[in-house]
Amino acid sequence: MTDTPQKAIIYCRVSSRTQEEEGHGLQSQEVRCREFAATKGYDVAMVFPDTITGGGDFMRHPGMVATAGVSRCATQ
């Protein structure tokens, strides 16, 4: 019997150009998240990025809305 790896989803977000310039952009966040998932034996199923700047409720950003939607579906 083979163990099926747990699925993981990644949410990456930058809120300023400074984050990108200092090496904390979407790509580096995704790489670090994938590395973490690999250490835990997770299979990354999806990645949701957001590049929205400014204040406001981040739970309404498109990437977060998609992440939450997929997460809800997976737990039902």
Protein backbone atom coordinates (compact mmCIF):
# COMPACT_ATOMS: atom_id res chain seq x y z
CA MET A 1 0.00 0.00 0.00
CA THR A 2 1.38 3.41 -0.95
CA ASP A 3 0.82 6.51 1.09
CA THR A 4 -0.68 9.33 -0.90
CA PRO A 5 1.12 12.60 -0.12
CA GLN A 6 -0.94 15.36 1.42
CA LYS A 7 -1.80 18.16 -0.96
CA ALA A 8 -0.74 21.72 -0.26
CA ILE A 9 -1.67 25.06 -1.73
CA ILE A 10 0.61 28.09 -1.66
CA TYR A 11 -0.46 31.71 -1.31
CA CYS A 12 2.21 34.30 -2.16
CA ARG A 13 1.74 38.03 -1.85
CA VAL A 14 3.75 41.17 -2.33
CA SER A 15 2.42 44.52 -1.25
CA SER A 16 5.23 46.76 -2.38
CA ARG A 17 7.90 47.12 -5.03
CA THR A 18 10.46 47.16 -2.20
CA GLN A 19 9.65 43.54 -1.39
CA GLU A 20 10.49 42.57 -4.95
CA GLU A 21 13.68 44.63 -4.97
CA GLU A 22 14.89 43.11 -1.68
CA GLY A 23 14.38 39.55 -2.89
CA HIS A 24 11.11 38.85 -1.11
CA GLY A 25 9.00 38.76 -4.26
CA LEU A 26 6.49 36.21 -5.45
CA GLN A 27 9.08 33.90 -6.99
CA SER A 28 11.27 33.70 -3.89
CA GLN A 29 8.22 33.19 -1.66
CA GLU A 30 7.01 30.35 -3.86
CA VAL A 31 10.44 28.72 -3.87
CA ARG A 32 10.65 28.87 -0.07
CA CYS A 33 7.11 27.52 0.30
CA ARG A 34 7.84 24.67 -2.12
CA GLU A 35 11.01 23.84 -0.20
CA PHE A 36 9.05 23.76 3.06
CA ALA A 37 6.35 21.57 1.49
CA ALA A 38 9.01 19.15 0.26
CA THR A 39 10.50 18.82 3.75
CA LYS A 40 7.05 17.86 5.02
CA GLY A 41 6.35 15.49 2.14
CA TYR A 42 3.50 17.62 0.75
CA ASP A 43 2.57 17.69 -2.92
CA VAL A 44 1.97 21.30 -4.02
CA ALA A 45 -1.24 21.24 -6.00
CA MET A 46 -1.74 24.96 -6.69
CA VAL A 47 -0.09 28.34 -6.24
CA PHE A 48 -2.06 31.57 -5.84
CA PRO A 49 -0.14 34.85 -6.16
CA ASP A 50 -1.31 38.37 -5.32
CA THR A 51 0.50 41.59 -6.24
CA ILE A 52 -2.03 44.00 -4.84
CA THR A 53 -0.64 46.96 -2.96
CA GLY A 54 -2.26 49.27 -0.52
CA GLY A 55 -4.47 48.77 2.46
CA GLY A 56 -7.76 47.06 2.65
CA ASP A 57 -8.93 43.62 3.55
CA PHE A 58 -6.45 41.13 2.10
CA MET A 59 -9.13 38.44 2.41
CA ARG A 60 -10.76 40.11 -0.59
CA HIS A 61 -7.69 39.96 -2.82
CA PRO A 62 -8.22 37.63 -5.80
CA GLY A 63 -5.47 35.18 -4.87
CA MET A 64 -6.69 34.89 -1.28
CA VAL A 65 -10.30 34.44 -2.39
CA ALA A 66 -9.20 31.62 -4.71
CA THR A 67 -7.04 30.06 -1.98
CA ALA A 68 -9.90 30.13 0.51
CA GLY A 69 -12.30 28.68 -2.07
CA VAL A 70 -10.03 25.75 -2.87
CA SER A 71 -9.37 25.18 0.81
CA ARG A 72 -13.11 25.07 1.63
CA CYS A 73 -13.74 22.60 -1.21
CA ALA A 74 -10.96 20.31 -0.03
CA THR A 75 -12.35 20.09 3.50
CA GLN A 76 -15.90 19.20 2.52
